[in-house]
Structure formats: structure tokens, C-alpha cells
């Protein structure tokens, strides 16, 4: 009887490990950020047109996070991503951000899972930014340069695709 229980227990353990390895919790925050190839593909630019200026990761109070800055011809892309413990926490954080932006007149209420796009200065450049959530990830995406609002929309779609479902 004991030998019969070992196989199902081993099978269960192997299945649990397989599910854990493929879950969004297993993905590293930096893997969910747009890579140069993702940016060139989303914007229809030639390979090699975008380079990474900086990439960092840290464990914040809210969860693991990553930030990246990339540069292409005439524009920059800044990204940050925080993985919360659950979707409700990411929604609560987005609600706080959205309330702050609306109170300052920077954007409209947006949608359930995204702030409205807002224009703002970034150093000596003009920028367009957007906050959104997918699952338990909260992302801020910022684009500078001419055509930034259109580029932001394209890059936001690509950024959503990088975050695993589930």
C-alpha cells in the first residue's frame, strides 16, 4: 500500500513544479519589460535601432520591481514594473495613482485597468505616460519625442503582451 502512494505523490509534486515554473509568479520583472527588439517590432523600426541605456531591479516594499530606459531615433522609452502579491493590490495602487493624476488635472479617469494618457515634462523633453495593470503587475510606460502619444499606444499593447496571463 505504501508503494502505491509514492507514485501519485511524485506525480503531484512534478505537476505542481511544472505549474509553478509556468506561472506569472515565476517570471522575473525584467523579463516582462520591453526589450529593444520588442520596441523596434512594435514601432516598425529596423533591428538595432533601439538600445538599452539602463536596466535595474530591486525588491520594493510592494514587491519585486524592474526599471528600464531605452533609446531609439528621436525618442526614449522609460518603463517600470512592480509585481504585487495579487491583482487587488495592483488595482488599489493604480486607483491611488489615478486619483492623484485626476486631482492635479493631468488626466481623465481612464479605465478600470489603465490611467488616462498624460503629457508632462521630463527634464527638457515633453513626454507622454500611461499606467496600466495586467494581472498583478503595475506598469508605467513613458515615451518622449515627436509622435510620442501614438508610440505610447503601440508600446502599451506590446508591453501588455509581455506580461504572462493568469
N, C-alpha and C. Protein backbone atom coordinates (compact mmCIF):
# COMPACT_ATOMS: atom_id res chain seq x y z
N UNK A 1 0.82 -1.20 0.00
CA UNK A 1 0.00 0.00 0.00
C UNK A 1 0.87 1.27 0.00
N UNK A 2 1.96 1.25 0.73
CA UNK A 2 2.85 2.42 0.76
C UNK A 2 3.42 2.72 -0.60
N UNK A 3 3.79 1.72 -1.36
CA UNK A 3 4.39 1.94 -2.67
C UNK A 3 3.39 2.54 -3.65
N UNK A 4 2.12 2.27 -3.46
CA UNK A 4 1.10 2.84 -4.35
C UNK A 4 0.96 4.34 -4.14
N UNK A 5 1.21 4.84 -2.95
CA UNK A 5 1.08 6.26 -2.67
C UNK A 5 2.27 7.07 -3.17
N UNK A 6 3.44 6.47 -3.30
CA UNK A 6 4.62 7.22 -3.72
C UNK A 6 4.48 7.74 -5.14
N UNK A 7 3.97 6.96 -6.04
CA UNK A 7 3.88 7.40 -7.42
C UNK A 7 2.91 8.58 -7.57
N UNK A 8 1.68 8.50 -7.04
CA UNK A 8 0.80 9.67 -7.15
C UNK A 8 1.37 10.91 -6.47
N UNK A 9 2.06 10.74 -5.34
CA UNK A 9 2.65 11.90 -4.67
C UNK A 9 3.75 12.50 -5.52
N UNK A 10 4.58 11.67 -6.14
CA UNK A 10 5.65 12.16 -7.01
C UNK A 10 5.07 12.84 -8.24
N UNK A 11 4.02 12.27 -8.80
CA UNK A 11 3.36 12.86 -9.96
C UNK A 11 2.75 14.21 -9.59
N UNK A 12 2.12 14.28 -8.42
CA UNK A 12 1.54 15.54 -7.96
C UNK A 12 2.62 16.60 -7.78
N UNK A 13 3.75 16.22 -7.18
CA UNK A 13 4.84 17.16 -6.95
C UNK A 13 5.40 17.66 -8.29
N UNK A 14 5.60 16.76 -9.23
CA UNK A 14 6.11 17.16 -10.55
C UNK A 14 5.13 18.10 -11.25
N UNK A 15 3.84 17.82 -11.16
CA UNK A 15 2.83 18.68 -11.77
C UNK A 15 2.81 20.06 -11.10
N UNK A 16 2.92 20.08 -9.78
CA UNK A 16 2.94 21.36 -9.05
C UNK A 16 4.15 22.19 -9.45
N UNK A 17 5.32 21.55 -9.59
CA UNK A 17 6.51 22.28 -10.00
C UNK A 17 6.38 22.81 -11.42
N UNK A 18 5.80 22.03 -12.30
CA UNK A 18 5.60 22.46 -13.68
C UNK A 18 4.68 23.68 -13.74
N UNK A 19 3.60 23.64 -12.99
CA UNK A 19 2.67 24.77 -12.96
C UNK A 19 3.36 26.00 -12.38
N UNK A 20 4.12 25.83 -11.31
CA UNK A 20 4.81 26.97 -10.68
C UNK A 20 5.82 27.59 -11.63
N UNK A 21 6.52 26.78 -12.39
CA UNK A 21 7.53 27.30 -13.31
C UNK A 21 6.90 28.08 -14.47
N UNK A 22 5.66 27.78 -14.80
CA UNK A 22 5.00 28.45 -15.91
C UNK A 22 4.04 29.53 -15.45
N UNK A 23 3.99 29.81 -14.16
CA UNK A 23 3.05 30.80 -13.65
C UNK A 23 3.65 32.20 -13.73
N UNK A 24 2.79 33.24 -13.74
CA UNK A 24 3.30 34.61 -13.74
C UNK A 24 4.20 34.90 -12.55
N UNK A 25 3.97 34.22 -11.44
CA UNK A 25 4.78 34.46 -10.25
C UNK A 25 6.23 34.05 -10.50
N UNK A 26 6.45 33.09 -11.41
CA UNK A 26 7.80 32.60 -11.68
C UNK A 26 8.58 33.55 -12.59
N UNK A 27 7.89 34.38 -13.34
CA UNK A 27 8.56 35.28 -14.27
C UNK A 27 9.24 36.42 -13.50
N UNK A 28 10.45 36.76 -13.93
CA UNK A 28 11.18 37.87 -13.34
C UNK A 28 10.65 39.18 -13.91
N UNK A 29 10.57 40.23 -13.09
CA UNK A 29 10.07 41.52 -13.60
C UNK A 29 10.80 42.02 -14.84
N UNK A 30 12.12 41.86 -14.89
CA UNK A 30 12.88 42.37 -16.05
C UNK A 30 12.46 41.66 -17.34
N UNK A 31 12.02 40.39 -17.23
CA UNK A 31 11.58 39.64 -18.40
C UNK A 31 10.26 40.17 -18.96
N UNK A 32 9.53 40.93 -18.14
CA UNK A 32 8.25 41.48 -18.57
C UNK A 32 8.37 42.87 -19.17
N UNK A 33 9.56 43.46 -19.10
CA UNK A 33 9.78 44.78 -19.71
C UNK A 33 10.04 44.62 -21.20
N UNK A 34 9.77 45.68 -21.95
CA UNK A 34 10.03 45.65 -23.38
C UNK A 34 11.53 45.65 -23.64
N UNK A 35 11.97 44.70 -24.42
CA UNK A 35 13.37 44.63 -24.87
C UNK A 35 13.49 45.47 -26.14
N UNK A 36 14.71 45.82 -26.55
CA UNK A 36 14.87 46.61 -27.78
C UNK A 36 14.16 46.00 -29.00
N UNK A 37 14.21 44.68 -29.13
CA UNK A 37 13.52 44.03 -30.25
C UNK A 37 12.01 44.18 -30.19
N UNK A 38 11.45 44.19 -28.98
CA UNK A 38 10.01 44.41 -28.82
C UNK A 38 9.63 45.81 -29.27
N UNK A 39 10.46 46.78 -28.92
CA UNK A 39 10.19 48.18 -29.26
C UNK A 39 10.30 48.39 -30.77
N UNK A 40 11.37 47.86 -31.38
CA UNK A 40 11.53 48.03 -32.83
C UNK A 40 10.39 47.35 -33.58
N UNK A 41 9.99 46.19 -33.12
CA UNK A 41 8.89 45.47 -33.77
C UNK A 41 7.57 46.24 -33.64
N UNK A 42 7.27 46.73 -32.44
CA UNK A 42 6.02 47.46 -32.22
C UNK A 42 5.94 48.75 -33.03
N UNK A 43 7.10 49.40 -33.22
CA UNK A 43 7.12 50.70 -33.91
C UNK A 43 7.53 50.59 -35.37
N UNK A 44 7.78 49.37 -35.86
CA UNK A 44 8.16 49.18 -37.26
C UNK A 44 9.52 49.75 -37.61
N UNK A 45 10.45 49.68 -36.67
CA UNK A 45 11.81 50.19 -36.88
C UNK A 45 12.74 49.04 -37.26
N UNK A 46 13.85 49.35 -37.91
CA UNK A 46 14.80 48.28 -38.25
C UNK A 46 15.47 47.70 -37.00
N UNK A 47 15.86 46.44 -37.08
CA UNK A 47 16.59 45.81 -35.97
C UNK A 47 17.82 46.65 -35.63
N UNK A 48 18.10 46.76 -34.35
CA UNK A 48 19.27 47.51 -33.91
C UNK A 48 19.03 49.00 -33.74
N UNK A 49 17.82 49.48 -34.05
CA UNK A 49 17.53 50.92 -33.96
C UNK A 49 17.33 51.39 -32.52
N UNK A 50 17.12 50.45 -31.59
CA UNK A 50 16.85 50.80 -30.19
C UNK A 50 17.89 50.13 -29.31
N UNK A 51 18.39 50.88 -28.34
CA UNK A 51 19.37 50.33 -27.40
C UNK A 51 18.93 50.60 -25.96
N UNK A 52 19.37 49.75 -25.06
CA UNK A 52 19.07 49.92 -23.64
C UNK A 52 20.10 50.85 -23.02
N UNK A 53 19.62 51.89 -22.34
CA UNK A 53 20.51 52.81 -21.63
C UNK A 53 20.72 52.37 -20.18
N UNK A 54 19.67 51.83 -19.57
CA UNK A 54 19.79 51.36 -18.19
C UNK A 54 18.74 50.30 -17.91
N UNK A 55 19.08 49.41 -16.99
CA UNK A 55 18.18 48.35 -16.55
C UNK A 55 18.51 48.05 -15.10
N UNK A 56 17.50 48.07 -14.24
CA UNK A 56 17.74 47.77 -12.83
C UNK A 56 16.57 47.00 -12.26
N UNK A 57 16.86 46.28 -11.19
CA UNK A 57 15.84 45.53 -10.46
C UNK A 57 16.02 45.78 -8.98
N UNK A 58 14.95 45.67 -8.25
CA UNK A 58 15.04 45.78 -6.79
C UNK A 58 13.83 45.13 -6.16
N UNK A 59 13.92 44.87 -4.89
CA UNK A 59 12.80 44.37 -4.11
C UNK A 59 12.24 45.56 -3.36
N UNK A 60 11.10 46.09 -3.80
CA UNK A 60 10.48 47.23 -3.12
C UNK A 60 9.56 46.71 -2.02
N UNK A 61 8.99 47.61 -1.26
CA UNK A 61 8.03 47.22 -0.22
C UNK A 61 6.80 46.56 -0.82
N UNK A 62 6.46 46.94 -2.06
CA UNK A 62 5.27 46.41 -2.71
C UNK A 62 5.52 45.07 -3.40
N UNK A 63 6.76 44.77 -3.73
CA UNK A 63 7.09 43.52 -4.42
C UNK A 63 8.29 43.72 -5.32
N UNK A 64 8.67 42.68 -6.04
CA UNK A 64 9.81 42.81 -6.96
C UNK A 64 9.50 43.82 -8.05
N UNK A 65 10.51 44.57 -8.46
CA UNK A 65 10.29 45.59 -9.48
C UNK A 65 11.48 45.66 -10.42
N UNK A 66 11.25 46.25 -11.57
CA UNK A 66 12.31 46.46 -12.56
C UNK A 66 12.04 47.77 -13.29
N UNK A 67 13.12 48.42 -13.71
CA UNK A 67 13.03 49.67 -14.46
C UNK A 67 14.01 49.59 -15.62
N UNK A 68 13.60 50.18 -16.74
CA UNK A 68 14.50 50.21 -17.91
C UNK A 68 14.31 51.53 -18.65
N UNK A 69 15.39 51.97 -19.27
CA UNK A 69 15.34 53.12 -20.17
C UNK A 69 16.00 52.70 -21.47
N UNK A 70 15.29 52.91 -22.57
CA UNK A 70 15.79 52.58 -23.90
C UNK A 70 15.74 53.83 -24.77
N UNK A 71 16.55 53.82 -25.81
CA UNK A 71 16.61 54.98 -26.70
C UNK A 71 16.58 54.50 -28.14
N UNK A 72 15.79 55.23 -28.93
CA UNK A 72 15.73 55.00 -30.36
C UNK A 72 15.94 56.31 -31.09
N UNK A 73 15.78 56.31 -32.40
CA UNK A 73 16.00 57.54 -33.16
C UNK A 73 14.94 58.60 -32.83
N UNK A 74 15.35 59.60 -32.04
CA UNK A 74 14.47 60.72 -31.70
C UNK A 74 13.51 60.48 -30.56
N UNK A 75 13.66 59.40 -29.82
CA UNK A 75 12.76 59.14 -28.70
C UNK A 75 13.45 58.29 -27.63
N UNK A 76 12.86 58.35 -26.42
CA UNK A 76 13.26 57.48 -25.32
C UNK A 76 12.05 56.78 -24.78
N UNK A 77 12.23 55.58 -24.25
CA UNK A 77 11.17 54.81 -23.61
C UNK A 77 11.63 54.48 -22.20
N UNK A 78 10.84 54.87 -21.22
CA UNK A 78 11.11 54.54 -19.83
C UNK A 78 10.00 53.62 -19.35
N UNK A 79 10.39 52.55 -18.69
CA UNK A 79 9.42 51.58 -18.20
C UNK A 79 9.71 51.25 -16.76
N UNK A 80 8.68 51.03 -15.98
CA UNK A 80 8.84 50.47 -14.65
C UNK A 80 7.71 49.49 -14.41
N UNK A 81 8.00 48.45 -13.66
CA UNK A 81 7.02 47.40 -13.41
C UNK A 81 7.19 46.92 -11.98
N UNK A 82 6.09 46.81 -11.26
CA UNK A 82 6.08 46.27 -9.91
C UNK A 82 5.13 45.08 -9.90
N UNK A 83 5.59 43.96 -9.34
CA UNK A 83 4.73 42.79 -9.17
C UNK A 83 4.19 42.77 -7.75
N UNK A 84 2.90 42.98 -7.62
CA UNK A 84 2.25 42.93 -6.31
C UNK A 84 1.92 41.48 -5.97
N UNK A 85 1.51 41.25 -4.73
CA UNK A 85 1.15 39.89 -4.32
C UNK A 85 -0.09 39.39 -5.04
N UNK A 86 -0.99 40.31 -5.37
CA UNK A 86 -2.22 39.90 -6.05
C UNK A 86 -2.79 41.06 -6.86
N UNK A 87 -3.78 40.74 -7.67
CA UNK A 87 -4.40 41.72 -8.56
C UNK A 87 -5.08 42.85 -7.79
N UNK A 88 -5.69 42.53 -6.65
CA UNK A 88 -6.39 43.56 -5.87
C UNK A 88 -5.41 44.63 -5.40
N UNK A 89 -4.21 44.25 -5.01
CA UNK A 89 -3.22 45.24 -4.58
C UNK A 89 -2.78 46.11 -5.76
N UNK A 90 -2.62 45.51 -6.93
CA UNK A 90 -2.21 46.32 -8.09
C UNK A 90 -3.33 47.28 -8.49
N UNK A 91 -4.59 46.83 -8.41
CA UNK A 91 -5.72 47.72 -8.70
C UNK A 91 -5.79 48.87 -7.70
N UNK A 92 -5.55 48.58 -6.42
CA UNK A 92 -5.58 49.62 -5.39
C UNK A 92 -4.48 50.65 -5.64
N UNK A 93 -3.29 50.18 -6.01
CA UNK A 93 -2.20 51.12 -6.31
C UNK A 93 -2.54 51.98 -7.51
N UNK A 94 -3.09 51.38 -8.56
CA UNK A 94 -3.49 52.15 -9.74
C UNK A 94 -4.58 53.16 -9.39
N UNK A 95 -5.53 52.77 -8.56
CA UNK A 95 -6.58 53.71 -8.15
C UNK A 95 -5.99 54.93 -7.45
N UNK A 96 -4.99 54.73 -6.60
CA UNK A 96 -4.34 55.85 -5.93
C UNK A 96 -3.61 56.75 -6.90
N UNK A 97 -2.91 56.15 -7.85
CA UNK A 97 -2.20 56.92 -8.87
C UNK A 97 -3.18 57.71 -9.71
N UNK A 98 -4.23 57.05 -10.15
CA UNK A 98 -5.24 57.70 -10.99
C UNK A 98 -5.89 58.86 -10.25
N UNK A 99 -6.23 58.68 -8.99
CA UNK A 99 -6.85 59.75 -8.20
C UNK A 99 -5.92 60.96 -8.11
N UNK A 100 -4.63 60.70 -7.91
CA UNK A 100 -3.65 61.78 -7.84
C UNK A 100 -3.56 62.53 -9.17
N UNK A 101 -3.49 61.79 -10.28
CA UNK A 101 -3.40 62.42 -11.59
C UNK A 101 -4.64 63.25 -11.92
N UNK A 102 -5.81 62.71 -11.59
CA UNK A 102 -7.06 63.42 -11.86
C UNK A 102 -7.14 64.67 -10.99
N UNK A 103 -6.75 64.57 -9.72
CA UNK A 103 -6.82 65.74 -8.83
C UNK A 103 -5.90 66.87 -9.29
N UNK A 104 -4.82 66.53 -9.97
CA UNK A 104 -3.90 67.54 -10.50
C UNK A 104 -4.28 67.97 -11.91
N UNK A 105 -5.36 67.42 -12.45
CA UNK A 105 -5.81 67.80 -13.78
C UNK A 105 -4.93 67.28 -14.91
N UNK A 106 -4.14 66.25 -14.64
CA UNK A 106 -3.23 65.74 -15.66
C UNK A 106 -3.89 64.74 -16.60
N UNK A 107 -4.94 64.08 -16.15
CA UNK A 107 -5.59 63.09 -16.99
C UNK A 107 -7.02 62.89 -16.54
N UNK A 108 -7.82 62.30 -17.42
CA UNK A 108 -9.17 61.90 -17.06
C UNK A 108 -9.11 60.61 -16.25
N UNK A 109 -10.27 60.07 -15.92
CA UNK A 109 -10.29 58.89 -15.06
C UNK A 109 -9.71 57.62 -15.68
N UNK A 110 -9.60 57.56 -17.00
CA UNK A 110 -9.05 56.36 -17.62
C UNK A 110 -10.04 55.22 -17.59
N UNK A 111 -9.51 54.01 -17.48
CA UNK A 111 -10.33 52.80 -17.47
C UNK A 111 -10.05 52.04 -16.18
N UNK A 112 -10.74 50.92 -16.00
CA UNK A 112 -10.54 50.13 -14.79
C UNK A 112 -9.08 49.72 -14.64
N UNK A 113 -8.44 49.30 -15.73
CA UNK A 113 -7.09 48.76 -15.64
C UNK A 113 -6.02 49.70 -16.20
N UNK A 114 -6.37 50.96 -16.46
CA UNK A 114 -5.37 51.89 -17.00
C UNK A 114 -5.72 53.32 -16.64
N UNK A 115 -4.68 54.11 -16.41
CA UNK A 115 -4.88 55.56 -16.24
C UNK A 115 -5.11 56.12 -17.64
N UNK A 116 -5.55 57.35 -17.69
CA UNK A 116 -5.56 58.03 -18.97
C UNK A 116 -4.13 58.38 -19.35
N UNK A 117 -3.89 58.64 -20.62
CA UNK A 117 -2.57 59.09 -21.06
C UNK A 117 -2.40 60.52 -20.58
N UNK A 118 -1.23 60.84 -20.05
CA UNK A 118 -0.99 62.21 -19.62
C UNK A 118 0.34 62.71 -20.18
N UNK A 119 0.34 63.99 -20.55
CA UNK A 119 1.51 64.66 -21.09
C UNK A 119 2.19 65.41 -19.95
N UNK A 120 3.52 65.40 -19.96
CA UNK A 120 4.25 66.07 -18.88
C UNK A 120 5.69 66.31 -19.33
N UNK A 121 6.36 67.26 -18.68
CA UNK A 121 7.79 67.45 -18.98
C UNK A 121 8.61 66.35 -18.31
N UNK A 122 9.68 65.97 -18.98
CA UNK A 122 10.64 65.01 -18.43
C UNK A 122 12.02 65.59 -18.71
N UNK A 123 12.58 66.25 -17.72
CA UNK A 123 13.81 67.00 -17.96
C UNK A 123 13.50 68.13 -18.93
N UNK A 124 14.23 68.20 -20.04
CA UNK A 124 13.98 69.24 -21.04
C UNK A 124 13.17 68.72 -22.23
N UNK A 125 12.55 67.55 -22.07
CA UNK A 125 11.73 66.97 -23.13
C UNK A 125 10.27 66.91 -22.72
N UNK A 126 9.40 66.80 -23.68
CA UNK A 126 7.99 66.53 -23.42
C UNK A 126 7.79 65.02 -23.50
N UNK A 127 6.93 64.50 -22.63
CA UNK A 127 6.71 63.06 -22.55
C UNK A 127 5.22 62.76 -22.45
N UNK A 128 4.87 61.55 -22.84
CA UNK A 128 3.52 61.01 -22.65
C UNK A 128 3.68 59.74 -21.82
N UNK A 129 2.83 59.58 -20.82
CA UNK A 129 2.91 58.42 -19.93
C UNK A 129 1.55 57.77 -19.74
N UNK A 130 1.61 56.53 -19.31
CA UNK A 130 0.41 55.73 -19.05
C UNK A 130 0.75 54.72 -17.97
N UNK A 131 -0.14 54.54 -17.02
CA UNK A 131 -0.05 53.46 -16.04
C UNK A 131 -1.09 52.42 -16.43
N UNK A 132 -0.76 51.14 -16.30
CA UNK A 132 -1.76 50.10 -16.50
C UNK A 132 -1.41 48.90 -15.65
N UNK A 133 -2.40 48.04 -15.44
CA UNK A 133 -2.15 46.78 -14.76
C UNK A 133 -2.53 45.64 -15.69
N UNK A 134 -1.86 44.55 -15.48
CA UNK A 134 -2.25 43.28 -16.08
C UNK A 134 -1.93 42.23 -15.03
N UNK A 135 -2.96 41.49 -14.66
CA UNK A 135 -2.85 40.52 -13.58
C UNK A 135 -2.38 41.24 -12.32
N UNK A 136 -1.22 40.89 -11.79
CA UNK A 136 -0.75 41.54 -10.56
C UNK A 136 0.39 42.53 -10.82
N UNK A 137 0.66 42.82 -12.09
CA UNK A 137 1.73 43.75 -12.45
C UNK A 137 1.16 45.15 -12.68
N UNK A 138 1.85 46.14 -12.11
CA UNK A 138 1.55 47.56 -12.36
C UNK A 138 2.70 48.11 -13.19
N UNK A 139 2.38 48.70 -14.33
CA UNK A 139 3.39 49.17 -15.27
C UNK A 139 3.21 50.66 -15.51
N UNK A 140 4.34 51.38 -15.55
CA UNK A 140 4.34 52.76 -16.04
C UNK A 140 5.19 52.76 -17.29
N UNK A 141 4.63 53.34 -18.34
CA UNK A 141 5.32 53.42 -19.62
C UNK A 141 5.34 54.89 -20.03
N UNK A 142 6.52 55.41 -20.35
CA UNK A 142 6.70 56.81 -20.74
C UNK A 142 7.48 56.86 -22.04
N UNK A 143 7.04 57.73 -22.96
CA UNK A 143 7.72 57.90 -24.25
C UNK A 143 7.96 59.39 -24.46
N UNK A 144 9.16 59.75 -24.92
CA UNK A 144 9.47 61.13 -25.27
C UNK A 144 9.64 61.24 -26.78
N UNK A 145 9.66 62.46 -27.25
CA UNK A 145 9.92 62.71 -28.67
C UNK A 145 8.66 62.98 -29.45
N UNK A 146 8.82 63.41 -30.71
CA UNK A 146 7.65 63.67 -31.55
C UNK A 146 6.91 62.36 -31.80
N UNK A 147 5.62 62.42 -31.89
CA UNK A 147 4.82 61.22 -32.12
C UNK A 147 4.70 60.33 -30.90
N UNK A 148 5.01 60.88 -29.72
CA UNK A 148 5.05 60.08 -28.50
C UNK A 148 3.70 59.46 -28.14
N UNK A 149 2.60 60.17 -28.38
CA UNK A 149 1.29 59.62 -28.00
C UNK A 149 0.97 58.38 -28.83
N UNK A 150 1.23 58.42 -30.12
CA UNK A 150 1.00 57.25 -30.96
C UNK A 150 1.94 56.11 -30.63
N UNK A 151 3.21 56.45 -30.37
CA UNK A 151 4.17 55.42 -29.99
C UNK A 151 3.79 54.78 -28.66
N UNK A 152 3.28 55.59 -27.74
CA UNK A 152 2.88 55.09 -26.43
C UNK A 152 1.77 54.04 -26.58
N UNK A 153 0.80 54.30 -27.44
CA UNK A 153 -0.29 53.35 -27.64
C UNK A 153 0.24 52.02 -28.19
N UNK A 154 1.13 52.09 -29.17
CA UNK A 154 1.70 50.87 -29.76
C UNK A 154 2.54 50.10 -28.73
N UNK A 155 3.34 50.83 -27.97
CA UNK A 155 4.20 50.18 -26.99
C UNK A 155 3.41 49.62 -25.81
N UNK A 156 2.31 50.27 -25.45
CA UNK A 156 1.47 49.76 -24.35
C UNK A 156 0.88 48.40 -24.74
N UNK A 157 0.44 48.27 -25.99
CA UNK A 157 -0.07 46.97 -26.45
C UNK A 157 1.02 45.90 -26.38
N UNK A 158 2.22 46.24 -26.83
CA UNK A 158 3.33 45.29 -26.80
C UNK A 158 3.72 44.95 -25.35
N UNK A 159 3.67 45.95 -24.46
CA UNK A 159 4.02 45.72 -23.06
C UNK A 159 3.01 44.80 -22.39
N UNK A 160 1.75 44.96 -22.69
CA UNK A 160 0.72 44.07 -22.14
C UNK A 160 0.97 42.62 -22.57
N UNK A 161 1.39 42.47 -23.81
CA UNK A 161 1.65 41.12 -24.33
C UNK A 161 2.83 40.45 -23.65
N UNK A 162 3.75 41.21 -23.09
CA UNK A 162 4.93 40.65 -22.42
C UNK A 162 4.61 40.06 -21.04
N UNK A 163 3.50 40.48 -20.46
CA UNK A 163 3.14 40.02 -19.11
C UNK A 163 2.31 38.74 -19.24
N UNK A 164 2.74 37.68 -18.59
CA UNK A 164 2.02 36.40 -18.71
C UNK A 164 0.58 36.51 -18.22
N UNK A 165 -0.30 35.74 -18.86
CA UNK A 165 -1.69 35.65 -18.42
C UNK A 165 -1.75 34.78 -17.17
N UNK A 166 -2.81 35.00 -16.41
CA UNK A 166 -3.03 34.13 -15.27
C UNK A 166 -2.68 34.78 -14.04
